[in-house]
Amino acid sequence: MLRSNSLRTLLSLLLLPPTAAIAQSQSPSTPDAPPQTSVTQNTPLSPALPTLFIVGDSTARNQADLGWGDHFAHYFDTTRINIANRAHAGRSSRTFINEGSWDRVLAEVKPGDFVLLQMGHNDDGDLGGAKPRGSIKGLGDESQDVTLPDGHHETVHTYGWYMRKYIADARARHATPILLSLTIRNIWKEGHIERDMGYDANIRQLAQDQHVPFVDMATIEADCLEALGPEKTAALFPIDHTHTSPEGAELNAQAVVSALKNAHFPLAAYLKPAE
């Protein structure tokens, strides 16, 4: 069933009308997420089941159906596992923690749960200034004190520092953290789509250093988009080079599922059986 669904989606995308809105000329900076006026609401979780939590940004949870996390649950046997999309648009590894979103997730996490971590799209932002959400690049323990727009001071850490905190906090609750590569942006150069916006090596190194499973959905997504070509791919990114249409979000959800299966990770046991 999973394989046939993926094939049907790819075939339907190949039939999309071509468009001239190819993202080669767009800026590689991360755009703001669309206004969050119709975000899918959280549903109650069965306490008798393990839960897979999705922690990320607007690529995973956006306006209803625009984030891949909204397309994820139907691949799983939800009589055996809860799927909880707790991603928050516009957040970085730093601001998801500092604004309280991570504490709210931790309040729900119980032993035996899984936490799928996908952060990075917003980490290249400013450390201070009018929109302070960036983290210091790298995996070290460097820090920098900044003054926020409201006058408060904050010590900003590296991307690796924040990601290690997610991993340690999840493990402290006897849950399993999983690192996920970032979704692909619609940026092309010399006939090839961008496959790394600068965080892939960090995520892989973190997975190795912290002995955390690494799930590479980005390579699967990039391969599919290159098969479609720039014009067909542009139809899946109607807003900007980062945020997808519902069809693009479904494609990303399929890429995550395929990557879980390729990694032979135990979580794949909760997927609906192939037909």
C-alpha atoms as a PDB file:
ATOM      1  CA  MET A   1       0.000   0.000   0.000  1.00  0.00           C
ATOM      2  CA  LEU A   2       2.791   2.460   0.906  1.00  0.00           C
ATOM      3  CA  ARG A   3       4.651   1.756  -2.311  1.00  0.00           C
ATOM      4  CA  SER A   4       1.518   2.103  -4.443  1.00  0.00           C
ATOM      5  CA  ASN A   5       0.556   5.341  -2.676  1.00  0.00           C
ATOM      6  CA  SER A   6       3.991   6.790  -3.390  1.00  0.00           C
ATOM      7  CA  LEU A   7       3.803   5.756  -7.016  1.00  0.00           C
ATOM      8  CA  ARG A   8       0.349   7.264  -7.448  1.00  0.00           C
ATOM      9  CA  THR A   9       1.500  10.532  -5.887  1.00  0.00           C
ATOM     10  CA  LEU A  10       4.573  10.727  -8.106  1.00  0.00           C
ATOM     11  CA  LEU A  11       2.503  10.025 -11.226  1.00  0.00           C
ATOM     12  CA  SER A  12      -0.046  12.683 -10.271  1.00  0.00           C
ATOM     13  CA  LEU A  13       2.744  15.204  -9.724  1.00  0.00           C
ATOM     14  CA  LEU A  14       4.218  14.457 -13.111  1.00  0.00           C
ATOM     15  CA  LEU A  15       0.894  15.482 -14.627  1.00  0.00           C
ATOM     16  CA  LEU A  16       0.876  18.900 -12.963  1.00  0.00           C
ATOM     17  CA  PRO A  17       0.832  21.826 -15.421  1.00  0.00           C
ATOM     18  CA  PRO A  18       4.225  23.443 -15.911  1.00  0.00           C
ATOM     19  CA  THR A  19       4.848  26.848 -14.399  1.00  0.00           C
ATOM     20  CA  ALA A  20       7.503  29.462 -14.943  1.00  0.00           C
ATOM     21  CA  ALA A  21       7.805  30.175 -11.226  1.00  0.00           C
ATOM     22  CA  ILE A  22      11.042  28.245 -10.839  1.00  0.00           C
ATOM     23  CA  ALA A  23      12.866  29.105  -7.639  1.00  0.00           C
ATOM     24  CA  GLN A  24      16.331  29.573  -9.116  1.00  0.00           C
ATOM     25  CA  SER A  25      16.013  33.320  -8.787  1.00  0.00           C
ATOM     26  CA  GLN A  26      14.680  33.301  -5.225  1.00  0.00           C
ATOM     27  CA  SER A  27      16.779  34.296  -2.229  1.00  0.00           C
ATOM     28  CA  PRO A  28      18.119  31.359  -0.217  1.00  0.00           C
ATOM     29  CA  SER A  29      17.175  33.030   3.083  1.00  0.00           C
ATOM     30  CA  THR A  30      14.355  31.417   5.059  1.00  0.00           C
ATOM     31  CA  PRO A  31      11.022  33.173   4.444  1.00  0.00           C
ATOM     32  CA  ASP A  32       8.394  33.751   7.106  1.00  0.00           C
ATOM     33  CA  ALA A  33       5.679  31.140   7.455  1.00  0.00           C
ATOM     34  CA  PRO A  34       2.218  32.106   6.193  1.00  0.00           C
ATOM     35  CA  PRO A  35      -0.184  33.560   8.811  1.00  0.00           C
ATOM     36  CA  GLN A  36      -1.259  30.720  11.099  1.00  0.00           C
ATOM     37  CA  THR A  37      -5.046  31.115  10.918  1.00  0.00           C
ATOM     38  CA  SER A  38      -6.148  27.521  10.278  1.00  0.00           C
ATOM     39  CA  VAL A  39      -3.570  25.283  11.948  1.00  0.00           C
ATOM     40  CA  THR A  40      -4.748  21.736  12.639  1.00  0.00           C
ATOM     41  CA  GLN A  41      -5.605  21.482  16.328  1.00  0.00           C
ATOM     42  CA  ASN A  42      -4.180  18.903  18.715  1.00  0.00           C
ATOM     43  CA  THR A  43      -6.372  15.896  19.397  1.00  0.00           C
ATOM     44  CA  PRO A  44      -6.443  13.850  22.622  1.00  0.00           C
ATOM     45  CA  LEU A  45      -3.827  11.107  22.904  1.00  0.00           C
ATOM     46  CA  SER A  46      -4.619   7.625  24.123  1.00  0.00           C
ATOM     47  CA  PRO A  47      -2.578   7.092  27.303  1.00  0.00           C
ATOM     48  CA  ALA A  48      -2.553   3.342  26.604  1.00  0.00           C
ATOM     49  CA  LEU A  49      -0.526   3.745  23.406  1.00  0.00           C
ATOM     50  CA  PRO A  50       3.013   4.904  22.659  1.00  0.00           C
ATOM     51  CA  THR A  51       3.169   8.303  20.966  1.00  0.00           C
ATOM     52  CA  LEU A  52       5.310   9.598  18.121  1.00  0.00           C
ATOM     53  CA  PHE A  53       5.828  13.332  18.636  1.00  0.00           C
ATOM     54  CA  ILE A  54       6.867  15.557  15.715  1.00  0.00           C
ATOM     55  CA  VAL A  55       8.965  18.533  16.838  1.00  0.00           C
ATOM     56  CA  GLY A  56       9.791  20.993  14.078  1.00  0.00           C
ATOM     57  CA  ASP A  57       8.815  24.172  12.271  1.00  0.00           C
ATOM     58  CA  SER A  58       6.359  25.290   9.563  1.00  0.00           C
ATOM     59  CA  THR A  59       7.586  22.660   7.106  1.00  0.00           C
ATOM     60  CA  ALA A  60       5.979  20.094   9.434  1.00  0.00           C
ATOM     61  CA  ARG A  61       3.015  22.118  10.749  1.00  0.00           C
ATOM     62  CA  ASN A  62       1.618  25.096   8.926  1.00  0.00           C
ATOM     63  CA  GLN A  63      -1.796  26.114   7.748  1.00  0.00           C
ATOM     64  CA  ALA A  64      -4.035  23.033   7.716  1.00  0.00           C
ATOM     65  CA  ASP A  65      -2.554  20.393   5.371  1.00  0.00           C
ATOM     66  CA  LEU A  66       0.503  22.483   4.410  1.00  0.00           C
ATOM     67  CA  GLY A  67       2.932  20.775   6.788  1.00  0.00           C
ATOM     68  CA  TRP A  68       4.048  17.184   6.265  1.00  0.00           C
ATOM     69  CA  GLY A  69       3.125  16.313   9.860  1.00  0.00           C
ATOM     70  CA  ASP A  70      -0.549  16.754   8.977  1.00  0.00           C
ATOM     71  CA  HIS A  71      -0.169  13.996   6.359  1.00  0.00           C
ATOM     72  CA  PHE A  72       1.722  11.544   8.534  1.00  0.00           C
ATOM     73  CA  ALA A  73      -0.826   9.716  10.671  1.00  0.00           C
ATOM     74  CA  HIS A  74      -2.617   7.888   7.850  1.00  0.00           C
ATOM     75  CA  TYR A  75       0.531   5.838   7.185  1.00  0.00           C
ATOM     76  CA  PHE A  76       0.437   4.397  10.712  1.00  0.00           C
ATOM     77  CA  ASP A  77      -1.792   1.942  12.528  1.00  0.00           C
ATOM     78  CA  THR A  78      -3.265   4.485  14.942  1.00  0.00           C
ATOM     79  CA  THR A  79      -4.871   1.716  16.981  1.00  0.00           C
ATOM     80  CA  ARG A  80      -1.302   0.916  18.092  1.00  0.00           C
ATOM     81  CA  ILE A  81       0.419   4.329  18.209  1.00  0.00           C
ATOM     82  CA  ASN A  82      -0.551   7.996  18.612  1.00  0.00           C
ATOM     83  CA  ILE A  83       0.814  10.512  16.096  1.00  0.00           C
ATOM     84  CA  ALA A  84       1.173  13.950  17.709  1.00  0.00           C
ATOM     85  CA  ASN A  85       2.286  16.816  15.482  1.00  0.00           C
ATOM     86  CA  ARG A  86       3.684  19.438  17.865  1.00  0.00           C
ATOM     87  CA  ALA A  87       5.740  21.401  15.337  1.00  0.00           C
ATOM     88  CA  HIS A  88       5.430  25.191  15.569  1.00  0.00           C
ATOM     89  CA  ALA A  89       5.731  27.510  12.586  1.00  0.00           C
ATOM     90  CA  GLY A  90       8.571  30.008  12.579  1.00  0.00           C
ATOM     91  CA  ARG A  91      10.516  28.382  15.399  1.00  0.00           C
ATOM     92  CA  SER A  92      14.164  27.452  15.505  1.00  0.00           C
ATOM     93  CA  SER A  93      15.933  24.989  17.760  1.00  0.00           C
ATOM     94  CA  ARG A  94      16.422  27.950  20.101  1.00  0.00           C
ATOM     95  CA  THR A  95      12.960  29.555  20.119  1.00  0.00           C
ATOM     96  CA  PHE A  96      11.000  26.280  20.281  1.00  0.00           C
ATOM     97  CA  ILE A  97      12.671  25.837  23.673  1.00  0.00           C
ATOM     98  CA  ASN A  98      12.728  29.443  24.906  1.00  0.00           C
ATOM     99  CA  GLU A  99       9.087  30.166  24.086  1.00  0.00           C
ATOM    100  CA  GLY A 100       7.845  27.143  26.011  1.00  0.00           C
ATOM    101  CA  SER A 101       6.813  24.832  23.176  1.00  0.00           C
ATOM    102  CA  TRP A 102       9.332  22.167  24.196  1.00  0.00           C
ATOM    103  CA  ASP A 103       8.194  22.189  27.835  1.00  0.00           C
ATOM    104  CA  ARG A 104       4.621  21.601  26.652  1.00  0.00           C
ATOM    105  CA  VAL A 105       5.750  18.622  24.586  1.00  0.00           C
ATOM    106  CA  LEU A 106       7.745  17.210  27.497  1.00  0.00           C
ATOM    107  CA  ALA A 107       4.674  17.450  29.705  1.00  0.00           C
ATOM    108  CA  GLU A 108       3.007  14.931  27.367  1.00  0.00           C
ATOM    109  CA  VAL A 109       5.966  12.595  26.839  1.00  0.00           C
ATOM    110  CA  LYS A 110       5.969   9.276  28.712  1.00  0.00           C
ATOM    111  CA  PRO A 111       8.281   6.252  28.747  1.00  0.00           C
ATOM    112  CA  GLY A 112       8.226   4.320  25.480  1.00  0.00           C
ATOM    113  CA  ASP A 113       7.374   7.330  23.319  1.00  0.00           C
ATOM    114  CA  PHE A 114       9.323   8.567  20.279  1.00  0.00           C
ATOM    115  CA  VAL A 115      10.354  12.171  19.529  1.00  0.00           C
ATOM    116  CA  LEU A 116      11.107  13.001  15.894  1.00  0.00           C
ATOM    117  CA  LEU A 117      13.321  16.112  15.840  1.00  0.00           C
ATOM    118  CA  GLN A 118      13.608  18.263  12.698  1.00  0.00           C
ATOM    119  CA  MET A 119      15.079  21.711  13.293  1.00  0.00           C
ATOM    120  CA  GLY A 120      17.247  24.042  11.214  1.00  0.00           C
ATOM    121  CA  HIS A 121      15.238  26.044   8.687  1.00  0.00           C
ATOM    122  CA  ASN A 122      14.993  29.028  11.050  1.00  0.00           C
ATOM    123  CA  ASP A 123      18.321  28.632  12.825  1.00  0.00           C
ATOM    124  CA  ASP A 124      20.150  30.817  10.309  1.00  0.00           C
ATOM    125  CA  GLY A 125      18.213  33.890  11.498  1.00  0.00           C
ATOM    126  CA  ASP A 126      19.540  36.808  13.511  1.00  0.00           C
ATOM    127  CA  LEU A 127      20.812  36.198  17.038  1.00  0.00           C
ATOM    128  CA  GLY A 128      19.460  39.556  18.204  1.00  0.00           C
ATOM    129  CA  GLY A 129      17.683  42.421  16.468  1.00  0.00           C
ATOM    130  CA  ALA A 130      14.017  42.683  15.588  1.00  0.00           C
ATOM    131  CA  LYS A 131      13.544  38.967  14.956  1.00  0.00           C
ATOM    132  CA  PRO A 132      15.897  37.053  17.245  1.00  0.00           C
ATOM    133  CA  ARG A 133      15.549  33.357  16.505  1.00  0.00           C
ATOM    134  CA  GLY A 134      18.895  32.216  15.120  1.00  0.00           C
ATOM    135  CA  SER A 135      21.372  29.946  16.848  1.00  0.00           C
ATOM    136  CA  ILE A 136      25.165  30.025  16.660  1.00  0.00           C
ATOM    137  CA  LYS A 137      26.330  27.763  13.866  1.00  0.00           C
ATOM    138  CA  GLY A 138      28.109  24.561  14.796  1.00  0.00           C
ATOM    139  CA  LEU A 139      28.032  21.897  17.474  1.00  0.00           C
ATOM    140  CA  GLY A 140      30.314  23.404  20.107  1.00  0.00           C
ATOM    141  CA  ASP A 141      29.619  25.048  23.446  1.00  0.00           C
ATOM    142  CA  GLU A 142      30.137  28.650  22.341  1.00  0.00           C
ATOM    143  CA  SER A 143      27.604  31.212  23.506  1.00  0.00           C
ATOM    144  CA  GLN A 144      26.833  34.870  22.958  1.00  0.00           C
ATOM    145  CA  ASP A 145      24.821  37.309  25.062  1.00  0.00           C
ATOM    146  CA  VAL A 146      22.269  39.341  23.106  1.00  0.00           C
ATOM    147  CA  THR A 147      19.721  42.025  23.922  1.00  0.00           C
ATOM    148  CA  LEU A 148      16.177  41.223  22.821  1.00  0.00           C
ATOM    149  CA  PRO A 149      13.719  43.810  21.418  1.00  0.00           C
ATOM    150  CA  ASP A 150      11.959  44.023  24.817  1.00  0.00           C
ATOM    151  CA  GLY A 151      15.231  44.862  26.536  1.00  0.00           C
ATOM    152  CA  HIS A 152      15.778  41.484  28.146  1.00  0.00           C
ATOM    153  CA  HIS A 153      19.100  39.711  27.790  1.00  0.00           C
ATOM    154  CA  GLU A 154      19.546  36.147  26.547  1.00  0.00           C
ATOM    155  CA  THR A 155      22.504  33.830  26.257  1.00  0.00           C
ATOM    156  CA  VAL A 156      22.349  32.238  22.799  1.00  0.00           C
ATOM    157  CA  HIS A 157      23.961  28.829  22.260  1.00  0.00           C
ATOM    158  CA  THR A 158      24.969  26.767  19.252  1.00  0.00           C
ATOM    159  CA  TYR A 159      22.641  24.660  17.140  1.00  0.00           C
ATOM    160  CA  GLY A 160      24.318  21.590  18.589  1.00  0.00           C
ATOM    161  CA  TRP A 161      23.787  22.760  22.182  1.00  0.00           C
ATOM    162  CA  TYR A 162      20.034  23.117  21.644  1.00  0.00           C
ATOM    163  CA  MET A 163      19.736  19.813  19.793  1.00  0.00           C
ATOM    164  CA  ARG A 164      21.639  17.995  22.528  1.00  0.00           C
ATOM    165  CA  LYS A 165      19.177  19.439  25.048  1.00  0.00           C
ATOM    166  CA  TYR A 166      16.241  17.970  23.097  1.00  0.00           C
ATOM    167  CA  ILE A 167      17.971  14.597  23.036  1.00  0.00           C
ATOM    168  CA  ALA A 168      18.861  14.639  26.740  1.00  0.00           C
ATOM    169  CA  ASP A 169      15.399  15.802  27.816  1.00  0.00           C
ATOM    170  CA  ALA A 170      13.665  13.105  25.766  1.00  0.00           C
ATOM    171  CA  ARG A 171      15.929  10.422  27.169  1.00  0.00           C
ATOM    172  CA  ALA A 172      15.343  11.686  30.705  1.00  0.00           C
ATOM    173  CA  ARG A 173      11.699  10.778  30.167  1.00  0.00           C
ATOM    174  CA  HIS A 174      12.676   7.365  28.803  1.00  0.00           C
ATOM    175  CA  ALA A 175      11.547   8.322  25.301  1.00  0.00           C
ATOM    176  CA  THR A 176      13.517   7.682  22.100  1.00  0.00           C
ATOM    177  CA  PRO A 177      14.798  10.783  20.236  1.00  0.00           C
ATOM    178  CA  ILE A 178      15.221  10.524  16.452  1.00  0.00           C
ATOM    179  CA  LEU A 179      17.030  13.072  14.259  1.00  0.00           C
ATOM    180  CA  LEU A 180      15.481  13.849  10.887  1.00  0.00           C
ATOM    181  CA  SER A 181      17.183  15.583   7.971  1.00  0.00           C
ATOM    182  CA  LEU A 182      15.598  18.852   6.813  1.00  0.00           C
ATOM    183  CA  THR A 183      13.016  19.180   4.066  1.00  0.00           C
ATOM    184  CA  ILE A 184      14.352  20.259   0.680  1.00  0.00           C
ATOM    185  CA  ARG A 185      14.011  23.827  -0.595  1.00  0.00           C
ATOM    186  CA  ASN A 186      12.999  24.595  -4.160  1.00  0.00           C
ATOM    187  CA  ILE A 187      16.380  26.039  -5.136  1.00  0.00           C
ATOM    188  CA  TRP A 188      18.104  24.748  -8.270  1.00  0.00           C
ATOM    189  CA  LYS A 189      21.595  25.155  -9.662  1.00  0.00           C
ATOM    190  CA  GLU A 190      22.855  23.718 -12.934  1.00  0.00           C
ATOM    191  CA  GLY A 191      19.894  21.393 -13.236  1.00  0.00           C
ATOM    192  CA  HIS A 192      20.111  19.979  -9.705  1.00  0.00           C
ATOM    193  CA  ILE A 193      18.046  20.817  -6.654  1.00  0.00           C
ATOM    194  CA  GLU A 194      19.719  21.964  -3.441  1.00  0.00           C
ATOM    195  CA  ARG A 195      20.168  18.974  -1.117  1.00  0.00           C
ATOM    196  CA  ASP A 196      21.597  20.661   1.961  1.00  0.00           C
ATOM    197  CA  MET A 197      20.977  24.154   3.334  1.00  0.00           C
ATOM    198  CA  GLY A 198      23.969  23.816   5.642  1.00  0.00           C
ATOM    199  CA  TYR A 199      22.844  21.560   8.493  1.00  0.00           C
ATOM    200  CA  ASP A 200      23.121  18.045   7.090  1.00  0.00           C
ATOM    201  CA  ALA A 201      26.663  17.413   8.348  1.00  0.00           C
ATOM    202  CA  ASN A 202      25.771  18.761  11.795  1.00  0.00           C
ATOM    203  CA  ILE A 203      22.712  16.531  12.092  1.00  0.00           C
ATOM    204  CA  ARG A 204      24.635  13.445  10.988  1.00  0.00           C
ATOM    205  CA  GLN A 205      27.458  14.229  13.417  1.00  0.00           C
ATOM    206  CA  LEU A 206      24.997  14.755  16.258  1.00  0.00           C
ATOM    207  CA  ALA A 207      23.376  11.412  15.508  1.00  0.00           C
ATOM    208  CA  GLN A 208      26.761   9.715  15.612  1.00  0.00           C
ATOM    209  CA  ASP A 209      28.020  11.491  18.730  1.00  0.00           C
ATOM    210  CA  GLN A 210      24.786  11.081  20.680  1.00  0.00           C
ATOM    211  CA  HIS A 211      24.033   7.560  19.412  1.00  0.00           C
ATOM    212  CA  VAL A 212      20.667   8.713  18.094  1.00  0.00           C
ATOM    213  CA  PRO A 213      18.925   7.231  15.049  1.00  0.00           C
ATOM    214  CA  PHE A 214      19.249   9.402  11.932  1.00  0.00           C
ATOM    215  CA  VAL A 215      16.420   9.309   9.384  1.00  0.00           C
ATOM    216  CA  ASP A 216      17.366  10.776   5.993  1.00  0.00           C
ATOM    217  CA  MET A 217      14.158  11.932   4.363  1.00  0.00           C
ATOM    218  CA  ALA A 218      15.926  14.749   2.489  1.00  0.00           C
ATOM    219  CA  THR A 219      17.704  12.477   0.007  1.00  0.00           C
ATOM    220  CA  ILE A 220      14.455  10.688  -0.835  1.00  0.00           C
ATOM    221  CA  GLU A 221      12.597  13.967  -1.298  1.00  0.00           C
ATOM    222  CA  ALA A 222      15.395  15.474  -3.404  1.00  0.00           C
ATOM    223  CA  ASP A 223      15.531  12.411  -5.666  1.00  0.00           C
ATOM    224  CA  CYS A 224      11.779  12.647  -6.245  1.00  0.00           C
ATOM    225  CA  LEU A 225      11.873  16.394  -6.966  1.00  0.00           C
ATOM    226  CA  GLU A 226      14.748  15.991  -9.409  1.00  0.00           C
ATOM    227  CA  ALA A 227      12.723  13.307 -11.193  1.00  0.00           C
ATOM    228  CA  LEU A 228       9.890  15.819 -11.497  1.00  0.00           C
ATOM    229  CA  GLY A 229      12.168  18.612 -12.729  1.00  0.00           C
ATOM    230  CA  PRO A 230      12.152  22.340 -11.897  1.00  0.00           C
ATOM    231  CA  GLU A 231       8.817  23.248 -13.492  1.00  0.00           C
ATOM    232  CA  LYS A 232       6.784  20.453 -11.902  1.00  0.00           C
ATOM    233  CA  THR A 233       8.518  21.016  -8.575  1.00  0.00           C
ATOM    234  CA  ALA A 234       7.644  24.719  -8.635  1.00  0.00           C
ATOM    235  CA  ALA A 235       3.943  23.803  -8.550  1.00  0.00           C
ATOM    236  CA  LEU A 236       4.547  22.144  -5.165  1.00  0.00           C
ATOM    237  CA  PHE A 237       6.014  25.392  -3.723  1.00  0.00           C
ATOM    238  CA  PRO A 238       3.328  27.999  -4.521  1.00  0.00           C
ATOM    239  CA  ILE A 239       4.306  30.418  -1.721  1.00  0.00           C
ATOM    240  CA  ASP A 240       8.099  30.442  -1.611  1.00  0.00           C
ATOM    241  CA  HIS A 241      11.051  28.061  -1.853  1.00  0.00           C
ATOM    242  CA  THR A 242      10.457  26.526   1.593  1.00  0.00           C
ATOM    243  CA  HIS A 243       6.716  26.068   2.150  1.00  0.00           C
ATOM    244  CA  THR A 244       4.826  23.467   0.146  1.00  0.00           C
ATOM    245  CA  SER A 245       1.319  22.922  -1.123  1.00  0.00           C
ATOM    246  CA  PRO A 246      -0.754  20.080   0.404  1.00  0.00           C
ATOM    247  CA  GLU A 247       0.556  17.830  -2.395  1.00  0.00           C
ATOM    248  CA  GLY A 248       4.118  18.769  -1.514  1.00  0.00           C
ATOM    249  CA  ALA A 249       3.439  18.114   2.169  1.00  0.00           C
ATOM    250  CA  GLU A 250       2.102  14.656   1.300  1.00  0.00           C
ATOM    251  CA  LEU A 251       5.238  13.976  -0.726  1.00  0.00           C
ATOM    252  CA  ASN A 252       7.370  14.962   2.273  1.00  0.00           C
ATOM    253  CA  ALA A 253       5.369  12.713   4.599  1.00  0.00           C
ATOM    254  CA  GLN A 254       5.942   9.823   2.181  1.00  0.00           C
ATOM    255  CA  ALA A 255       9.660  10.619   2.187  1.00  0.00           C
ATOM    256  CA  VAL A 256       9.789  10.434   5.983  1.00  0.00           C
ATOM    257  CA  VAL A 257       7.936   7.102   5.952  1.00  0.00           C
ATOM    258  CA  SER A 258      10.261   5.676   3.296  1.00  0.00           C
ATOM    259  CA  ALA A 259      13.306   6.867   5.246  1.00  0.00           C
ATOM    260  CA  LEU A 260      12.028   5.200   8.420  1.00  0.00           C
ATOM    261  CA  LYS A 261      11.637   1.944   6.523  1.00  0.00           C
ATOM    262  CA  ASN A 262      15.077   2.265   4.908  1.00  0.00           C
ATOM    263  CA  ALA A 263      16.662   2.806   8.327  1.00  0.00           C
ATOM    264  CA  HIS A 264      15.084  -0.425   9.626  1.00  0.00           C
ATOM    265  CA  PHE A 265      14.119   1.510  12.738  1.00  0.00           C
ATOM    266  CA  PRO A 266      11.681  -0.218  15.161  1.00  0.00           C
ATOM    267  CA  LEU A 267       9.215   2.629  14.713  1.00  0.00           C
ATOM    268  CA  ALA A 268       8.541   1.275  11.219  1.00  0.00           C
ATOM    269  CA  ALA A 269       6.764  -1.661  12.883  1.00  0.00           C
ATOM    270  CA  TYR A 270       3.841   0.682  13.564  1.00  0.00           C
ATOM    271  CA  LEU A 271       3.331   1.473   9.867  1.00  0.00           C
ATOM    272  CA  LYS A 272       0.294   0.048   8.136  1.00  0.00           C
ATOM    273  CA  PRO A 273       1.257  -3.130   6.279  1.00  0.00           C
ATOM    274  CA  ALA A 274       2.046  -2.838   2.590  1.00  0.00           C
ATOM    275  CA  GLU A 275      -0.505  -4.351   0.238  1.00  0.00           C
END
